[in-house]
Amino acid sequence: MISNFKSLLHEWFVMPKQQKNQPYSIIDPRIADLVEAFNAIEGVTTIASCQGHCSGRDHHPYVYFSAPIEFAAWLSEQCRESRKDKRHYTQWEVEGVFNGENELTFSLFSPLYRQNYLHKGWWYLGWHRQRIDHELELLTDIVKQSKFIHVVNKAR
């Protein structure tokens, strides 16, 4: 419980000051490994990301990326499977959207966090910050597994 309280205070008071002085081009530290894992895969490029914040630049956690449809479909399936076996606290989804150049791009996000970060952000992104951090680590492992699969398939 003390850890939760510290996380909440950190998100409310420390993070907004850090965000104020940080340009948007700097990747949030708690999502940096996931972004790096995406960018390590041939044909996949991250466009934007956020680790999730309940104050300052408040936003839900997400990774916005371009990739082959096959990769996005595979990642979507892995997210469904990870929820079935209870590795994640909440469902994560991959959603396709067309950007300004009419190119298909994708977003990885949790509907629960996206719907509630303004109303209950302090609860999810502050008090239970360790849950989101754990989920981001699991997503990183899933994406790294994809890199391994691509290497194995290319060798065949």
N, C-alpha and C. Protein backbone atom coordinates (compact mmCIF):
# COMPACT_ATOMS: atom_id res chain seq x y z
N MET A 1 0.81 -1.18 0.00
CA MET A 1 0.00 0.00 0.00
C MET A 1 0.87 1.26 0.00
N ILE A 2 1.98 1.23 0.70
CA ILE A 2 2.90 2.37 0.71
C ILE A 2 3.46 2.59 -0.69
N SER A 3 3.75 1.50 -1.39
CA SER A 3 4.24 1.58 -2.76
C SER A 3 3.21 2.25 -3.67
N ASN A 4 1.95 1.90 -3.50
CA ASN A 4 0.87 2.50 -4.29
C ASN A 4 0.77 4.01 -4.02
N PHE A 5 0.88 4.38 -2.75
CA PHE A 5 0.79 5.78 -2.37
C PHE A 5 1.96 6.56 -2.97
N LYS A 6 3.15 5.98 -2.93
CA LYS A 6 4.32 6.64 -3.53
C LYS A 6 4.14 6.81 -5.03
N SER A 7 3.61 5.78 -5.69
CA SER A 7 3.37 5.86 -7.13
C SER A 7 2.39 6.98 -7.46
N LEU A 8 1.33 7.07 -6.67
CA LEU A 8 0.33 8.10 -6.90
C LEU A 8 0.92 9.49 -6.71
N LEU A 9 1.65 9.70 -5.64
CA LEU A 9 2.28 11.00 -5.41
C LEU A 9 3.28 11.35 -6.51
N HIS A 10 4.03 10.35 -6.95
CA HIS A 10 4.99 10.56 -8.04
C HIS A 10 4.27 11.01 -9.32
N GLU A 11 3.18 10.33 -9.64
CA GLU A 11 2.42 10.68 -10.85
C GLU A 11 1.76 12.05 -10.74
N TRP A 12 1.33 12.42 -9.57
CA TRP A 12 0.65 13.71 -9.39
C TRP A 12 1.61 14.89 -9.34
N PHE A 13 2.77 14.71 -8.69
CA PHE A 13 3.61 15.86 -8.41
C PHE A 13 4.95 15.88 -9.14
N VAL A 14 5.57 14.73 -9.35
CA VAL A 14 6.89 14.69 -9.98
C VAL A 14 6.78 14.65 -11.51
N MET A 15 5.94 13.76 -12.02
CA MET A 15 5.84 13.58 -13.47
C MET A 15 5.41 14.85 -14.22
N PRO A 16 4.45 15.64 -13.74
CA PRO A 16 4.09 16.84 -14.49
C PRO A 16 5.27 17.81 -14.65
N LYS A 17 6.11 17.92 -13.63
CA LYS A 17 7.29 18.80 -13.74
C LYS A 17 8.27 18.25 -14.75
N GLN A 18 8.48 16.93 -14.76
CA GLN A 18 9.38 16.32 -15.73
C GLN A 18 8.84 16.49 -17.15
N GLN A 19 7.54 16.29 -17.32
CA GLN A 19 6.93 16.40 -18.64
C GLN A 19 7.03 17.83 -19.17
N LYS A 20 6.89 18.80 -18.31
CA LYS A 20 6.92 20.21 -18.72
C LYS A 20 8.24 20.54 -19.41
N ASN A 21 9.33 19.97 -18.92
CA ASN A 21 10.65 20.25 -19.47
C ASN A 21 11.10 19.25 -20.53
N GLN A 22 10.28 18.28 -20.83
CA GLN A 22 10.66 17.21 -21.75
C GLN A 22 9.98 17.40 -23.10
N PRO A 23 10.75 17.43 -24.19
CA PRO A 23 10.13 17.54 -25.51
C PRO A 23 9.39 16.25 -25.85
N TYR A 24 8.40 16.37 -26.76
CA TYR A 24 7.61 15.21 -27.15
C TYR A 24 8.45 14.13 -27.84
N SER A 25 9.61 14.50 -28.36
CA SER A 25 10.45 13.53 -29.05
C SER A 25 11.13 12.55 -28.10
N ILE A 26 11.15 12.84 -26.82
CA ILE A 26 11.74 11.94 -25.82
C ILE A 26 10.71 10.86 -25.46
N ILE A 27 11.14 9.61 -25.53
CA ILE A 27 10.24 8.49 -25.23
C ILE A 27 10.14 8.32 -23.71
N ASP A 28 8.90 8.17 -23.23
CA ASP A 28 8.68 7.94 -21.80
C ASP A 28 9.46 6.71 -21.35
N PRO A 29 10.13 6.78 -20.20
CA PRO A 29 11.00 5.68 -19.78
C PRO A 29 10.30 4.35 -19.55
N ARG A 30 9.06 4.37 -19.09
CA ARG A 30 8.37 3.11 -18.78
C ARG A 30 7.85 2.39 -20.02
N ILE A 31 7.87 3.05 -21.18
CA ILE A 31 7.43 2.41 -22.41
C ILE A 31 8.58 2.30 -23.42
N ALA A 32 9.74 2.78 -23.05
CA ALA A 32 10.89 2.82 -23.96
C ALA A 32 11.29 1.42 -24.44
N ASP A 33 11.29 0.43 -23.56
CA ASP A 33 11.67 -0.94 -23.97
C ASP A 33 10.69 -1.50 -25.00
N LEU A 34 9.41 -1.23 -24.82
CA LEU A 34 8.40 -1.69 -25.77
C LEU A 34 8.59 -1.01 -27.12
N VAL A 35 8.83 0.29 -27.12
CA VAL A 35 9.07 1.03 -28.37
C VAL A 35 10.32 0.48 -29.06
N GLU A 36 11.36 0.22 -28.30
CA GLU A 36 12.59 -0.34 -28.86
C GLU A 36 12.34 -1.72 -29.48
N ALA A 37 11.53 -2.53 -28.82
CA ALA A 37 11.21 -3.87 -29.34
C ALA A 37 10.44 -3.76 -30.67
N PHE A 38 9.49 -2.84 -30.75
CA PHE A 38 8.78 -2.61 -32.01
C PHE A 38 9.76 -2.23 -33.12
N ASN A 39 10.59 -1.25 -32.83
CA ASN A 39 11.50 -0.72 -33.85
C ASN A 39 12.59 -1.70 -34.27
N ALA A 40 12.81 -2.75 -33.49
CA ALA A 40 13.82 -3.76 -33.82
C ALA A 40 13.32 -4.74 -34.88
N ILE A 41 12.03 -4.70 -35.18
CA ILE A 41 11.44 -5.64 -36.14
C ILE A 41 11.44 -4.99 -37.53
N GLU A 42 11.93 -5.71 -38.48
CA GLU A 42 11.98 -5.21 -39.85
C GLU A 42 10.57 -4.88 -40.34
N GLY A 43 10.39 -3.68 -40.86
CA GLY A 43 9.10 -3.25 -41.39
C GLY A 43 8.17 -2.61 -40.38
N VAL A 44 8.58 -2.54 -39.12
CA VAL A 44 7.76 -1.94 -38.07
C VAL A 44 8.43 -0.66 -37.60
N THR A 45 7.65 0.41 -37.51
CA THR A 45 8.16 1.71 -37.06
C THR A 45 7.17 2.34 -36.11
N THR A 46 7.63 2.77 -34.96
CA THR A 46 6.74 3.47 -34.04
C THR A 46 6.63 4.93 -34.48
N ILE A 47 5.47 5.49 -34.29
CA ILE A 47 5.18 6.87 -34.68
C ILE A 47 5.03 7.74 -33.43
N ALA A 48 4.36 7.21 -32.42
CA ALA A 48 4.14 7.93 -31.17
C ALA A 48 3.87 6.92 -30.07
N SER A 49 4.06 7.35 -28.83
CA SER A 49 3.79 6.45 -27.70
C SER A 49 3.62 7.28 -26.43
N CYS A 50 3.05 6.64 -25.43
CA CYS A 50 2.91 7.25 -24.10
C CYS A 50 2.83 6.13 -23.08
N GLN A 51 3.50 6.29 -21.97
CA GLN A 51 3.45 5.28 -20.91
C GLN A 51 2.19 5.42 -20.06
N GLY A 52 1.46 6.51 -20.25
CA GLY A 52 0.26 6.79 -19.47
C GLY A 52 0.59 7.73 -18.33
N HIS A 53 -0.21 8.79 -18.21
CA HIS A 53 -0.01 9.80 -17.17
C HIS A 53 -1.37 10.24 -16.63
N CYS A 54 -1.46 10.42 -15.32
CA CYS A 54 -2.72 10.86 -14.73
C CYS A 54 -2.73 12.36 -14.44
N SER A 55 -1.62 13.04 -14.68
CA SER A 55 -1.60 14.49 -14.53
C SER A 55 -0.51 15.04 -15.46
N GLY A 56 -0.48 16.34 -15.63
CA GLY A 56 0.45 16.92 -16.60
C GLY A 56 -0.11 16.68 -17.99
N ARG A 57 0.65 16.03 -18.82
CA ARG A 57 0.17 15.61 -20.15
C ARG A 57 -0.59 14.30 -19.97
N ASP A 58 -1.78 14.38 -19.40
CA ASP A 58 -2.52 13.16 -19.07
C ASP A 58 -2.98 12.44 -20.33
N HIS A 59 -2.70 11.16 -20.34
CA HIS A 59 -3.05 10.32 -21.48
C HIS A 59 -2.96 8.86 -21.06
N HIS A 60 -3.68 8.00 -21.79
CA HIS A 60 -3.61 6.57 -21.52
C HIS A 60 -2.36 5.99 -22.19
N PRO A 61 -1.89 4.81 -21.75
CA PRO A 61 -0.73 4.19 -22.40
C PRO A 61 -1.08 3.66 -23.79
N TYR A 62 -0.19 3.87 -24.74
CA TYR A 62 -0.40 3.38 -26.11
C TYR A 62 0.90 3.39 -26.89
N VAL A 63 0.91 2.65 -27.99
CA VAL A 63 1.97 2.74 -29.00
C VAL A 63 1.28 2.84 -30.35
N TYR A 64 1.59 3.88 -31.08
CA TYR A 64 1.06 4.11 -32.43
C TYR A 64 2.18 3.75 -33.40
N PHE A 65 1.89 2.87 -34.38
CA PHE A 65 2.97 2.34 -35.21
C PHE A 65 2.49 2.00 -36.62
N SER A 66 3.46 1.89 -37.53
CA SER A 66 3.17 1.37 -38.86
C SER A 66 3.83 0.00 -38.95
N ALA A 67 3.17 -0.91 -39.67
CA ALA A 67 3.66 -2.29 -39.75
C ALA A 67 2.89 -3.03 -40.83
N PRO A 68 3.45 -4.15 -41.29
CA PRO A 68 2.67 -5.01 -42.18
C PRO A 68 1.41 -5.52 -41.45
N ILE A 69 0.34 -5.70 -42.19
CA ILE A 69 -0.92 -6.19 -41.59
C ILE A 69 -0.70 -7.51 -40.88
N GLU A 70 0.16 -8.36 -41.40
CA GLU A 70 0.41 -9.67 -40.79
C GLU A 70 0.95 -9.53 -39.37
N PHE A 71 1.85 -8.56 -39.18
CA PHE A 71 2.39 -8.34 -37.84
C PHE A 71 1.29 -7.84 -36.91
N ALA A 72 0.50 -6.86 -37.36
CA ALA A 72 -0.57 -6.31 -36.52
C ALA A 72 -1.59 -7.39 -36.15
N ALA A 73 -1.92 -8.25 -37.11
CA ALA A 73 -2.86 -9.35 -36.84
C ALA A 73 -2.27 -10.32 -35.82
N TRP A 74 -1.00 -10.65 -35.99
CA TRP A 74 -0.32 -11.55 -35.05
C TRP A 74 -0.31 -10.94 -33.64
N LEU A 75 0.01 -9.65 -33.54
CA LEU A 75 0.06 -8.98 -32.24
C LEU A 75 -1.33 -8.95 -31.61
N SER A 76 -2.35 -8.69 -32.40
CA SER A 76 -3.72 -8.69 -31.89
C SER A 76 -4.08 -10.05 -31.31
N GLU A 77 -3.73 -11.10 -32.01
CA GLU A 77 -3.99 -12.46 -31.52
C GLU A 77 -3.23 -12.74 -30.22
N GLN A 78 -1.99 -12.31 -30.15
CA GLN A 78 -1.19 -12.51 -28.94
C GLN A 78 -1.80 -11.76 -27.75
N CYS A 79 -2.33 -10.58 -27.99
CA CYS A 79 -2.98 -9.82 -26.92
C CYS A 79 -4.21 -10.55 -26.41
N ARG A 80 -5.00 -11.12 -27.32
CA ARG A 80 -6.19 -11.89 -26.89
C ARG A 80 -5.76 -13.11 -26.08
N GLU A 81 -4.73 -13.81 -26.55
CA GLU A 81 -4.26 -15.00 -25.85
C GLU A 81 -3.71 -14.66 -24.47
N SER A 82 -2.98 -13.57 -24.35
CA SER A 82 -2.39 -13.21 -23.06
C SER A 82 -3.46 -12.86 -22.03
N ARG A 83 -4.59 -12.35 -22.49
CA ARG A 83 -5.70 -12.05 -21.56
C ARG A 83 -6.39 -13.34 -21.13
N LYS A 84 -6.52 -14.29 -22.05
CA LYS A 84 -7.16 -15.56 -21.71
C LYS A 84 -6.41 -16.30 -20.60
N ASP A 85 -5.08 -16.28 -20.67
CA ASP A 85 -4.33 -17.00 -19.64
C ASP A 85 -3.92 -16.10 -18.47
N LYS A 86 -4.59 -14.95 -18.37
CA LYS A 86 -4.48 -14.05 -17.21
C LYS A 86 -3.11 -13.42 -17.02
N ARG A 87 -2.31 -13.30 -18.08
CA ARG A 87 -1.04 -12.61 -17.95
C ARG A 87 -1.24 -11.10 -17.82
N HIS A 88 -2.33 -10.57 -18.39
CA HIS A 88 -2.62 -9.15 -18.28
C HIS A 88 -3.80 -8.92 -17.35
N TYR A 89 -3.81 -7.76 -16.70
CA TYR A 89 -4.92 -7.39 -15.84
C TYR A 89 -6.12 -6.97 -16.67
N THR A 90 -5.84 -6.43 -17.84
CA THR A 90 -6.89 -5.93 -18.72
C THR A 90 -6.59 -6.32 -20.16
N GLN A 91 -7.56 -6.18 -21.02
CA GLN A 91 -7.38 -6.50 -22.44
C GLN A 91 -6.58 -5.40 -23.13
N TRP A 92 -5.68 -5.79 -24.01
CA TRP A 92 -4.97 -4.87 -24.89
C TRP A 92 -5.41 -5.20 -26.31
N GLU A 93 -5.55 -4.18 -27.13
CA GLU A 93 -6.05 -4.37 -28.49
C GLU A 93 -5.17 -3.65 -29.49
N VAL A 94 -5.24 -4.11 -30.73
CA VAL A 94 -4.60 -3.45 -31.86
C VAL A 94 -5.72 -2.93 -32.74
N GLU A 95 -5.66 -1.64 -33.04
CA GLU A 95 -6.70 -1.00 -33.84
C GLU A 95 -6.05 -0.36 -35.06
N GLY A 96 -6.62 -0.59 -36.23
CA GLY A 96 -6.10 0.01 -37.45
C GLY A 96 -6.79 1.32 -37.75
N VAL A 97 -6.00 2.31 -38.16
CA VAL A 97 -6.53 3.63 -38.55
C VAL A 97 -5.74 4.14 -39.76
N PHE A 98 -6.38 4.94 -40.58
CA PHE A 98 -5.68 5.55 -41.70
C PHE A 98 -5.14 6.90 -41.27
N ASN A 99 -3.87 7.15 -41.58
CA ASN A 99 -3.27 8.42 -41.22
C ASN A 99 -3.60 9.48 -42.27
N GLY A 100 -3.01 10.66 -42.17
CA GLY A 100 -3.28 11.77 -43.08
C GLY A 100 -2.90 11.50 -44.52
N GLU A 101 -2.01 10.54 -44.74
CA GLU A 101 -1.59 10.16 -46.10
C GLU A 101 -2.35 8.93 -46.60
N ASN A 102 -3.44 8.58 -45.90
CA ASN A 102 -4.26 7.40 -46.23
C ASN A 102 -3.48 6.10 -46.18
N GLU A 103 -2.51 6.03 -45.28
CA GLU A 103 -1.76 4.80 -45.05
C GLU A 103 -2.32 4.13 -43.80
N LEU A 104 -2.44 2.81 -43.85
CA LEU A 104 -2.96 2.08 -42.70
C LEU A 104 -1.88 2.03 -41.61
N THR A 105 -2.23 2.52 -40.44
CA THR A 105 -1.35 2.48 -39.27
C THR A 105 -2.13 1.81 -38.14
N PHE A 106 -1.44 1.56 -37.03
CA PHE A 106 -2.06 0.80 -35.95
C PHE A 106 -1.78 1.44 -34.59
N SER A 107 -2.65 1.15 -33.66
CA SER A 107 -2.47 1.60 -32.30
C SER A 107 -2.66 0.41 -31.36
N LEU A 108 -1.72 0.24 -30.44
CA LEU A 108 -1.81 -0.77 -29.39
C LEU A 108 -2.21 -0.04 -28.11
N PHE A 109 -3.32 -0.46 -27.50
CA PHE A 109 -3.83 0.24 -26.32
C PHE A 109 -4.73 -0.69 -25.52
N SER A 110 -5.05 -0.27 -24.32
CA SER A 110 -6.02 -0.97 -23.48
C SER A 110 -7.31 -0.15 -23.47
N PRO A 111 -8.43 -0.74 -23.91
CA PRO A 111 -9.70 0.01 -23.88
C PRO A 111 -10.06 0.51 -22.48
N LEU A 112 -9.77 -0.28 -21.46
CA LEU A 112 -10.08 0.14 -20.09
C LEU A 112 -9.33 1.42 -19.74
N TYR A 113 -8.04 1.46 -20.01
CA TYR A 113 -7.25 2.64 -19.67
C TYR A 113 -7.63 3.82 -20.55
N ARG A 114 -7.93 3.56 -21.83
CA ARG A 114 -8.30 4.65 -22.74
C ARG A 114 -9.63 5.28 -22.32
N GLN A 115 -10.57 4.47 -21.88
CA GLN A 115 -11.88 5.00 -21.50
C GLN A 115 -11.87 5.69 -20.14
N ASN A 116 -10.95 5.31 -19.28
CA ASN A 116 -11.01 5.78 -17.89
C ASN A 116 -9.86 6.67 -17.43
N TYR A 117 -8.91 7.01 -18.31
CA TYR A 117 -7.76 7.74 -17.80
C TYR A 117 -8.12 9.14 -17.31
N LEU A 118 -9.16 9.76 -17.84
CA LEU A 118 -9.55 11.08 -17.35
C LEU A 118 -10.34 11.00 -16.04
N HIS A 119 -11.24 10.01 -15.92
CA HIS A 119 -12.08 9.90 -14.73
C HIS A 119 -11.35 9.20 -13.58
N LYS A 120 -10.66 8.11 -13.93
CA LYS A 120 -10.03 7.29 -12.89
C LYS A 120 -8.53 7.15 -13.12
N GLY A 121 -7.93 8.10 -13.83
CA GLY A 121 -6.50 8.02 -14.11
C GLY A 121 -5.66 7.90 -12.86
N TRP A 122 -6.06 8.61 -11.81
CA TRP A 122 -5.31 8.54 -10.55
C TRP A 122 -5.29 7.11 -10.02
N TRP A 123 -6.38 6.36 -10.26
CA TRP A 123 -6.48 4.99 -9.76
C TRP A 123 -5.62 4.04 -10.60
N TYR A 124 -5.81 4.08 -11.92
CA TYR A 124 -5.08 3.16 -12.79
C TYR A 124 -3.64 3.58 -13.03
N LEU A 125 -3.44 4.87 -13.30
CA LEU A 125 -2.11 5.35 -13.71
C LEU A 125 -1.27 5.82 -12.53
N GLY A 126 -1.86 5.96 -11.38
CA GLY A 126 -1.15 6.39 -10.18
C GLY A 126 -1.08 5.29 -9.13
N TRP A 127 -2.24 5.03 -8.53
CA TRP A 127 -2.30 4.06 -7.43
C TRP A 127 -1.86 2.66 -7.86
N HIS A 128 -2.28 2.23 -9.06
CA HIS A 128 -1.92 0.90 -9.57
C HIS A 128 -0.92 0.98 -10.72
N ARG A 129 0.00 1.92 -10.63
CA ARG A 129 0.99 2.12 -11.69
C ARG A 129 1.78 0.84 -11.96
N GLN A 130 2.08 0.08 -10.93
CA GLN A 130 2.87 -1.14 -11.10
C GLN A 130 2.17 -2.14 -12.00
N ARG A 131 0.84 -2.15 -12.03
CA ARG A 131 0.11 -3.05 -12.93
C ARG A 131 0.38 -2.69 -14.39
N ILE A 132 0.27 -1.42 -14.70
CA ILE A 132 0.53 -0.99 -16.08
C ILE A 132 1.98 -1.26 -16.45
N ASP A 133 2.90 -0.97 -15.55
CA ASP A 133 4.32 -1.24 -15.84
C ASP A 133 4.54 -2.72 -16.12
N HIS A 134 3.88 -3.58 -15.35
CA HIS A 134 3.99 -5.02 -15.57
C HIS A 134 3.41 -5.40 -16.93
N GLU A 135 2.28 -4.83 -17.28
CA GLU A 135 1.67 -5.12 -18.58
C GLU A 135 2.56 -4.65 -19.73
N LEU A 136 3.20 -3.49 -19.58
CA LEU A 136 4.11 -3.01 -20.62
C LEU A 136 5.30 -3.96 -20.78
N GLU A 137 5.77 -4.52 -19.67
CA GLU A 137 6.85 -5.52 -19.74
C GLU A 137 6.38 -6.78 -20.48
N LEU A 138 5.16 -7.24 -20.18
CA LEU A 138 4.62 -8.41 -20.88
C LEU A 138 4.46 -8.14 -22.38
N LEU A 139 3.97 -6.96 -22.72
CA LEU A 139 3.84 -6.60 -24.14
C LEU A 139 5.21 -6.57 -24.82
N THR A 140 6.21 -6.08 -24.11
CA THR A 140 7.57 -6.06 -24.66
C THR A 140 8.04 -7.47 -24.95
N ASP A 141 7.79 -8.39 -24.03
CA ASP A 141 8.17 -9.80 -24.24
C ASP A 141 7.44 -10.39 -25.45
N ILE A 142 6.17 -10.05 -25.60
CA ILE A 142 5.40 -10.56 -26.75
C ILE A 142 5.99 -10.04 -28.05
N VAL A 143 6.28 -8.76 -28.11
CA VAL A 143 6.83 -8.17 -29.33
C VAL A 143 8.22 -8.74 -29.62
N LYS A 144 9.03 -8.94 -28.60
CA LYS A 144 10.35 -9.55 -28.81
C LYS A 144 10.21 -10.97 -29.33
N GLN A 145 9.19 -11.68 -28.91
CA GLN A 145 8.93 -13.03 -29.42
C GLN A 145 8.64 -12.95 -30.91
N SER A 146 7.95 -11.92 -31.34
CA SER A 146 7.65 -11.73 -32.76
C SER A 146 8.93 -11.59 -33.56
N LYS A 147 9.89 -10.86 -33.02
CA LYS A 147 11.17 -10.69 -33.72
C LYS A 147 11.82 -12.06 -33.92
N PHE A 148 11.75 -12.90 -32.90
CA PHE A 148 12.33 -14.23 -32.99
C PHE A 148 11.60 -15.05 -34.07
N ILE A 149 10.28 -14.96 -34.09
CA ILE A 149 9.49 -15.69 -35.08
C ILE A 149 9.86 -15.26 -36.50
N HIS A 150 10.02 -13.94 -36.72
CA HIS A 150 10.38 -13.44 -38.04
C HIS A 150 11.75 -13.96 -38.46
N VAL A 151 12.70 -14.01 -37.54
CA VAL A 151 14.04 -14.49 -37.85
C VAL A 151 13.97 -15.97 -38.22
N VAL A 152 13.20 -16.75 -37.47
CA VAL A 152 13.07 -18.19 -37.75
C VAL A 152 12.41 -18.40 -39.11
N ASN A 153 11.35 -17.66 -39.41
CA ASN A 153 10.64 -17.82 -40.68
C ASN A 153 11.52 -17.42 -41.86
N LYS A 154 12.35 -16.40 -41.71
CA LYS A 154 13.23 -15.98 -42.80
C LYS A 154 14.29 -17.02 -43.09
N ALA A 155 14.70 -17.75 -42.06
CA ALA A 155 15.75 -18.74 -42.23
C ALA A 155 15.26 -19.96 -42.99
N ARG A 156 13.96 -20.20 -43.02
CA ARG A 156 13.39 -21.39 -43.67
C ARG A 156 13.39 -21.28 -45.14
